[in-house]
Amino acid sequence: MPFLISSTTVIIIAVVVVALVALAAAIASRRQRAEKLDQRRIAAAAHRDEAAASSRSAEQARLLAEEQAARAERERLAAEEQAGRAEQERAAAEHHEAQAREIDPDTDTDTDTDREAARDA
């Protein structure tokens, strides 16, 4: 007894085969899309990590610069204070020098006055 396949059976088998092929293509397409999404997520995570590292580095550099600026300001203020003290010491030294010239009997101004008084006498 020969095995006879009717045209309806062939059509049904063809439709089932086409449906299975379409289903397999849809599953493969979905997997491929999921893989691409995973790759994009991984790339985005890497970019976020790199951005976070750059941000931390920039923040550290900013803090270091602020610290250096504060240190420089403190040194500037100390230098101004030291210059002020030096100016005060110089003024005090000049004042003492002037007082010493006034009271020193051996200075030229007193000698000239004594000579003039001796001449007048």
C-alpha atoms as a PDB file:
ATOM      1  CA  MET A   1       0.000   0.000   0.000  1.00  0.00           C
ATOM      2  CA  PRO A   2       1.590   3.136  -1.172  1.00  0.00           C
ATOM      3  CA  PHE A   3       1.709   6.083   1.132  1.00  0.00           C
ATOM      4  CA  LEU A   4      -0.246   8.868  -0.485  1.00  0.00           C
ATOM      5  CA  ILE A   5      -0.031  12.417   0.658  1.00  0.00           C
ATOM      6  CA  SER A   6      -2.821  14.728  -0.255  1.00  0.00           C
ATOM      7  CA  SER A   7      -2.276  18.280  -1.389  1.00  0.00           C
ATOM      8  CA  THR A   8      -3.952  19.558   1.769  1.00  0.00           C
ATOM      9  CA  THR A   9      -1.433  17.670   3.865  1.00  0.00           C
ATOM     10  CA  VAL A  10       1.410  19.149   1.849  1.00  0.00           C
ATOM     11  CA  ILE A  11       0.001  22.631   2.363  1.00  0.00           C
ATOM     12  CA  ILE A  12      -0.406  22.030   6.094  1.00  0.00           C
ATOM     13  CA  ILE A  13       3.154  20.718   6.368  1.00  0.00           C
ATOM     14  CA  ALA A  14       4.467  23.668   4.350  1.00  0.00           C
ATOM     15  CA  VAL A  15       2.580  26.124   6.575  1.00  0.00           C
ATOM     16  CA  VAL A  16       3.904  24.428   9.701  1.00  0.00           C
ATOM     17  CA  VAL A  17       7.464  24.470   8.315  1.00  0.00           C
ATOM     18  CA  VAL A  18       7.162  28.144   7.369  1.00  0.00           C
ATOM     19  CA  ALA A  19       5.725  28.910  10.827  1.00  0.00           C
ATOM     20  CA  LEU A  20       8.589  27.052  12.511  1.00  0.00           C
ATOM     21  CA  VAL A  21      11.167  28.865  10.370  1.00  0.00           C
ATOM     22  CA  ALA A  22       9.512  32.233  11.182  1.00  0.00           C
ATOM     23  CA  LEU A  23       9.455  31.334  14.876  1.00  0.00           C
ATOM     24  CA  ALA A  24      13.137  30.359  14.793  1.00  0.00           C
ATOM     25  CA  ALA A  25      13.983  33.608  12.974  1.00  0.00           C
ATOM     26  CA  ALA A  26      12.016  35.631  15.539  1.00  0.00           C
ATOM     27  CA  ILE A  27      13.786  33.879  18.423  1.00  0.00           C
ATOM     28  CA  ALA A  28      17.186  34.407  16.794  1.00  0.00           C
ATOM     29  CA  SER A  29      16.361  38.064  16.127  1.00  0.00           C
ATOM     30  CA  ARG A  30      15.244  38.552  19.725  1.00  0.00           C
ATOM     31  CA  ARG A  31      18.466  36.947  21.031  1.00  0.00           C
ATOM     32  CA  GLN A  32      20.566  39.096  18.734  1.00  0.00           C
ATOM     33  CA  ARG A  33      18.742  42.212  19.914  1.00  0.00           C
ATOM     34  CA  ALA A  34      19.205  41.164  23.551  1.00  0.00           C
ATOM     35  CA  GLU A  35      22.937  40.612  22.964  1.00  0.00           C
ATOM     36  CA  LYS A  36      23.261  44.058  21.374  1.00  0.00           C
ATOM     37  CA  LEU A  37      21.429  45.609  24.317  1.00  0.00           C
ATOM     38  CA  ASP A  38      23.740  43.803  26.742  1.00  0.00           C
ATOM     39  CA  GLN A  39      26.782  45.043  24.826  1.00  0.00           C
ATOM     40  CA  ARG A  40      25.432  48.599  24.917  1.00  0.00           C
ATOM     41  CA  ARG A  41      24.742  48.275  28.658  1.00  0.00           C
ATOM     42  CA  ILE A  42      28.291  47.033  29.232  1.00  0.00           C
ATOM     43  CA  ALA A  43      29.708  49.899  27.148  1.00  0.00           C
ATOM     44  CA  ALA A  44      27.531  52.416  29.020  1.00  0.00           C
ATOM     45  CA  ALA A  45      28.698  51.008  32.366  1.00  0.00           C
ATOM     46  CA  ALA A  46      32.326  51.313  31.232  1.00  0.00           C
ATOM     47  CA  HIS A  47      31.733  54.930  30.209  1.00  0.00           C
ATOM     48  CA  ARG A  48      30.067  55.649  33.563  1.00  0.00           C
ATOM     49  CA  ASP A  49      33.022  54.107  35.401  1.00  0.00           C
ATOM     50  CA  GLU A  50      35.459  56.164  33.342  1.00  0.00           C
ATOM     51  CA  ALA A  51      33.413  59.321  33.942  1.00  0.00           C
ATOM     52  CA  ALA A  52      33.314  58.633  37.678  1.00  0.00           C
ATOM     53  CA  ALA A  53      37.090  58.111  37.759  1.00  0.00           C
ATOM     54  CA  SER A  54      37.652  61.336  35.814  1.00  0.00           C
ATOM     55  CA  SER A  55      35.282  63.163  38.133  1.00  0.00           C
ATOM     56  CA  ARG A  56      37.127  61.875  41.205  1.00  0.00           C
ATOM     57  CA  SER A  57      40.453  62.878  39.690  1.00  0.00           C
ATOM     58  CA  ALA A  58      39.161  66.343  38.834  1.00  0.00           C
ATOM     59  CA  GLU A  59      37.754  66.771  42.342  1.00  0.00           C
ATOM     60  CA  GLN A  60      41.084  65.765  43.880  1.00  0.00           C
ATOM     61  CA  ALA A  61      42.897  68.232  41.627  1.00  0.00           C
ATOM     62  CA  ARG A  62      40.432  70.979  42.588  1.00  0.00           C
ATOM     63  CA  LEU A  63      40.881  70.273  46.299  1.00  0.00           C
ATOM     64  CA  LEU A  64      44.662  70.255  45.909  1.00  0.00           C
ATOM     65  CA  ALA A  65      44.539  73.573  44.058  1.00  0.00           C
ATOM     66  CA  GLU A  66      42.354  75.087  46.783  1.00  0.00           C
ATOM     67  CA  GLU A  67      44.758  73.812  49.434  1.00  0.00           C
ATOM     68  CA  GLN A  68      47.730  75.286  47.572  1.00  0.00           C
ATOM     69  CA  ALA A  69      45.896  78.599  47.164  1.00  0.00           C
ATOM     70  CA  ALA A  70      45.116  78.694  50.883  1.00  0.00           C
ATOM     71  CA  ARG A  71      48.740  77.879  51.706  1.00  0.00           C
ATOM     72  CA  ALA A  72      49.934  80.616  49.343  1.00  0.00           C
ATOM     73  CA  GLU A  73      47.546  83.103  50.946  1.00  0.00           C
ATOM     74  CA  ARG A  74      48.818  82.195  54.421  1.00  0.00           C
ATOM     75  CA  GLU A  75      52.414  82.615  53.231  1.00  0.00           C
ATOM     76  CA  ARG A  76      51.542  85.964  51.618  1.00  0.00           C
ATOM     77  CA  LEU A  77      49.972  87.202  54.844  1.00  0.00           C
ATOM     78  CA  ALA A  78      52.971  85.996  56.857  1.00  0.00           C
ATOM     79  CA  ALA A  79      55.330  87.755  54.443  1.00  0.00           C
ATOM     80  CA  GLU A  80      53.339  90.985  54.728  1.00  0.00           C
ATOM     81  CA  GLU A  81      53.411  90.702  58.507  1.00  0.00           C
ATOM     82  CA  GLN A  82      57.158  90.072  58.461  1.00  0.00           C
ATOM     83  CA  ALA A  83      57.681  93.037  56.125  1.00  0.00           C
ATOM     84  CA  GLY A  84      55.630  95.210  58.495  1.00  0.00           C
ATOM     85  CA  ARG A  85      57.742  94.117  61.454  1.00  0.00           C
ATOM     86  CA  ALA A  86      60.918  94.780  59.461  1.00  0.00           C
ATOM     87  CA  GLU A  87      59.657  98.266  58.579  1.00  0.00           C
ATOM     88  CA  GLN A  88      58.864  98.937  62.248  1.00  0.00           C
ATOM     89  CA  GLU A  89      62.328  97.742  63.252  1.00  0.00           C
ATOM     90  CA  ARG A  90      63.912  99.953  60.565  1.00  0.00           C
ATOM     91  CA  ALA A  91      61.916 102.967  61.768  1.00  0.00           C
ATOM     92  CA  ALA A  92      62.895 102.226  65.373  1.00  0.00           C
ATOM     93  CA  ALA A  93      66.545 101.898  64.337  1.00  0.00           C
ATOM     94  CA  GLU A  94      66.412 105.230  62.494  1.00  0.00           C
ATOM     95  CA  HIS A  95      64.786 106.851  65.534  1.00  0.00           C
ATOM     96  CA  HIS A  96      67.469 105.473  67.843  1.00  0.00           C
ATOM     97  CA  GLU A  97      70.171 106.585  65.413  1.00  0.00           C
ATOM     98  CA  ALA A  98      68.718 110.087  65.346  1.00  0.00           C
ATOM     99  CA  GLN A  99      68.545 110.177  69.151  1.00  0.00           C
ATOM    100  CA  ALA A 100      72.136 108.928  69.338  1.00  0.00           C
ATOM    101  CA  ARG A 101      73.271 111.734  66.989  1.00  0.00           C
ATOM    102  CA  GLU A 102      71.435 114.297  69.102  1.00  0.00           C
ATOM    103  CA  ILE A 103      73.009 113.252  72.397  1.00  0.00           C
ATOM    104  CA  ASP A 104      76.484 112.257  71.134  1.00  0.00           C
ATOM    105  CA  PRO A 105      78.996 114.955  72.094  1.00  0.00           C
ATOM    106  CA  ASP A 106      81.403 113.882  69.347  1.00  0.00           C
ATOM    107  CA  THR A 107      79.101 114.505  66.393  1.00  0.00           C
ATOM    108  CA  ASP A 108      79.921 117.152  63.808  1.00  0.00           C
ATOM    109  CA  THR A 109      76.893 119.286  64.590  1.00  0.00           C
ATOM    110  CA  ASP A 110      77.887 119.796  68.234  1.00  0.00           C
ATOM    111  CA  THR A 111      81.550 120.363  67.311  1.00  0.00           C
ATOM    112  CA  ASP A 112      80.602 123.040  64.816  1.00  0.00           C
ATOM    113  CA  THR A 113      78.461 124.745  67.459  1.00  0.00           C
ATOM    114  CA  ASP A 114      81.356 124.642  69.964  1.00  0.00           C
ATOM    115  CA  ARG A 115      83.775 126.115  67.365  1.00  0.00           C
ATOM    116  CA  GLU A 116      81.376 128.916  66.598  1.00  0.00           C
ATOM    117  CA  ALA A 117      80.968 129.668  70.305  1.00  0.00           C
ATOM    118  CA  ALA A 118      84.761 129.693  70.784  1.00  0.00           C
ATOM    119  CA  ARG A 119      85.165 132.091  67.879  1.00  0.00           C
ATOM    120  CA  ASP A 120      82.533 134.431  69.206  1.00  0.00           C
ATOM    121  CA  ALA A 121      84.143 134.555  72.642  1.00  0.00           C
END
